[in-house]
Each structure stands twice: as structure tokens, then as C-alpha cells.
Amino acid sequence: RENNELNEEMLRNSQNLLMQNPDFYTLWNIRRECFLSLTKEMDDEEIEKLYNNELALLLACLKVNPKSYSVWRHRRWIMTHMNHPNWQHELNLCTNYLEYDSRNFHCWDHRRFVAAYTEGVTDSTELDYTMKKIKQTFSNFSAWHYRSKLLLKINNNSETENKDSVWVQEELDSIMNAIYTDPNDQSAWLYHKWLLGREEVPPTICTLYVAKCTNDSSQVNVMVTWSRLITAQDANKTIVTLDGRQIDCIWKNNCNHSYASHIWVTQIQDISENSVIQVGSKEFESLQIILRSECNEAWTLSRDETMIKEKMTVKLETLIAQKQLLDELYEIEPENKWLTLSQIYLGHALDGLNTDHQFSEEDLEDLINKLISIDSKRKGYYCDLRSKIVVERFAVNLFQRSSYQQCRKVDLSKKRLSCLHLMHLFSHVTELDLSQNEL
């Protein structure tokens, strides 16, 4: 390779090694370099013969290891460099291998790639194929995953849009059949959670804090806390006005501006008495502060509860119906890990939305303790999940207090927290008590 000996002898020598170990990805890289070099001096017929021989080698390697990353990747590369690739034959190959092992995700990935090039194959036909494989075995996460991607394409939806439509209801019926058939299979539960959807917290300003510089009262430091992580590029799109006049600012964070952050800081000069500072963006509501001449600092806080908890994108009626169905199964399978987790997710999602479905701290504690006893190896995950919900509930209650705007002390002690969640919401506080937790 160093001597640029990218010839047929190199192909022959590397072939013998790859037949013994198909995962030797360096040799596949060398073979690609050989093909790029050799095909420069070949006609179309010779090129086609060369690539067909390579497909035969790859087929032999798949028989040695049908789950080789390198082999499937190289096969894709060969197909895209052929003048007349037989995509239908390649799709048939995927079908045959999935008959042998329906959960070979390497083959599923290859099939998604090949289907896009195969004439006569549509998203609908592939959707039918996924259901065929799912009916053979519900425990086929690759098929469920492929199905989720196809449904979004067919229904022209994105991951974050409201997915509460006819096809979602049909899929929920199908997945419930899978869950009731085998409640211990994680594939169906993961697909069920995806169907219910997750609406990300919108990027809104939680806190606007302003403090005069100690050595120059005409300058102020401005701190903005966002509801989710934003990059320096997005932070610098923030619109800042001083007494109604838009000014340019350079925003900085404590990560050398290289990483996304919740908290961004800038400086404003030429502050006059009782200046009005407003910070926001074109898409979202602004926060405004009047910095009185007699004050060294000022702040204002948003009470928008949507920035605390991620919501499920389906309608409330759908959530309630799903909760009722899973409650019935929970009575039959009270020791099932996935059912217990669903009780937490759906209970927390419905809490505060429907008076008929209360989810108390005692309910949360009981379910978490049950999960730890059922699945002790994941105790850390369950404790962190509990901590996340506890802090979210605490933040909602804090927002609802009339004294929230003046709040500078927050007490999160004795809550058995194992991780810190939503700490950016407390960027303005001067005292945060985290004592007697499990951090």
C-alpha cells in the first residue's frame, strides 16, 4: 500500500485473509483503493466483471459472518460503484438472509439502503414486509424500527410533530397485541413509547439576570438561561434591546463557547438610569428588566411550565385509554418490569392533566422500589429516573408560588436525589441546599 501497489495481486492476497477473517476492515479499505486504481484503465465490461467477482467474495464472507459490519458496508460501496447494479437481486439477498435470521440488524440496514434504489419497491410495500416479519416474531426491534421510519415518511410527519392520527391508533392496536402476547419483550415496549411520542422542551428563556459591574456602573453583565442547550451560533441570534434600541452582543459561556449550554453571558455598556433591557428572539417571547439606578442587580423569571417537563405528543384521550389498557394488564402481571415502567411514564405524563389520574410521590416511590427489587442491576437508572421526576414536580410547584419571582433560596435537601436535573432553572438563586441526598 505504501508503495502504491494497488493491483490484482493485492486483491488476490487480501482475499485469502478476508475469507478467514471478514472483519479485517483495513483490507476492505485497501481493496476499495485497488478498485479505484484498476478501473481507471478498464472498459465497462471488465469493470462489471471485477465488481461481480467482488460481490461473490462478499457473499462467501457473509456465510462466515452474516453480522459483519465491514462486509455489509463494502457490499454497499460496490453496488454504488457498479454501472449496472442488480438492485432486485440485492433485495432478494436481504430477504433470504432475514429468513435465516429476522433480527439481523446489519441486513435490515442494508435492506433500507437497497429498497431506495429498487424499482417497484415503495414505502408501502416495505411497510407490509415489516409487518410480515413482525407477525413471525414480535421480538424484532429492527423490524419495528424500520416500520417507524416508513410510517413517518408515508404520513409526512416528523419525530416532534403531533402523531395522534388514524395510523397511530392502528399501530397502538397492533403493538398492544404484541404486548399482551409477550409482556416481557422490550421491542414492543420501545415501539409503544415511540408511538406515544415525546415533545421536546421548546427553546425559551427561563431567566434574565442583570448585574452592574463593580468597577463601572455604566456597564452591566447580562445572564440569560435557556430552557434547553443551545449553541453559540444560536445564542448570538438573541435579540437584545437597550431602551428600545437594538444592540449587538457577543454571548459567552463557561465552556469556551465550544459546547452548547443553558447559560450564556454578555456585557452591555452605556447604561443610563432606569434603563430597560429586553432579551428574546424572533420566534419566542422576550423577557424585560428595568434596572433601577439604586439597584445593583435585577432579574425576571419565566413561569412557562412547558420548559420543565417533556410531553407526549398524542391527545389526552389516547393517553388515558392506553393507561387503562395497561392498568388491566398490570393487574395480571404486577411483577413485569416494562409494565411497571409504563405505570411511571404514563402516570407522570397524566399527572396534572386529568383529575381522575393522580400520581402521588407515594405512587412513584412504590413503583421505583418495585423496579429495583425486580431489576436490581439497573438500580442506578431507576434512582435517576425518580430524581428527575421529583425535581420536575418540585419545579412545577415552585413556579406556581406567588413568591417565585423573588425566590433566591431553593431547598432540595432530604429528597434522596441521585442526580441533578433542571439545575439551570436555579441559575439566579444565591443559596441551593442539596444536603442529605444521595449524590
Foldseek 3Di string as FASTA:
>chain_A
DVVPPLEVVLVVVLLVVCLVPVQPLVSLVSPVVSLVVVVVPDDLVVNQVVLVVVVVSLVSSCVVPVQHLNSLVSNVVSQVPRPDHDLVVLLVVLVVVCVVPVQNLSSLVSNVVSLVVDPPRDLVNLLVVLVVSCVVPVLHLSSLVSNVVSVCVVVVHDQQAQLADDVLVVVLVVLLVVCVVPVQRVSSLVSNQSSLGWHAQDWFWFKWKWFADPVDNQKIKIKTFTLDWDAQVVVQQKWKDKQNHTDGWRWDDPVRRPGTDRMIMTMDGRHDAQIKMWIGHPVDDIDIDGAHPVDRMAMFGDLPLSSQDIAGSHDPVVLVVVQVSLVVVCVVVVLHLSSLVSCVVSLLNCDPVDPVRHCDLVNLVVSLVSNCVSPVVCNVVSLQVNLSSVVSVVSNVLSPDPCNGVDQEEEPDPPQRQDDDPCSSNPRHPYYHHYHHND
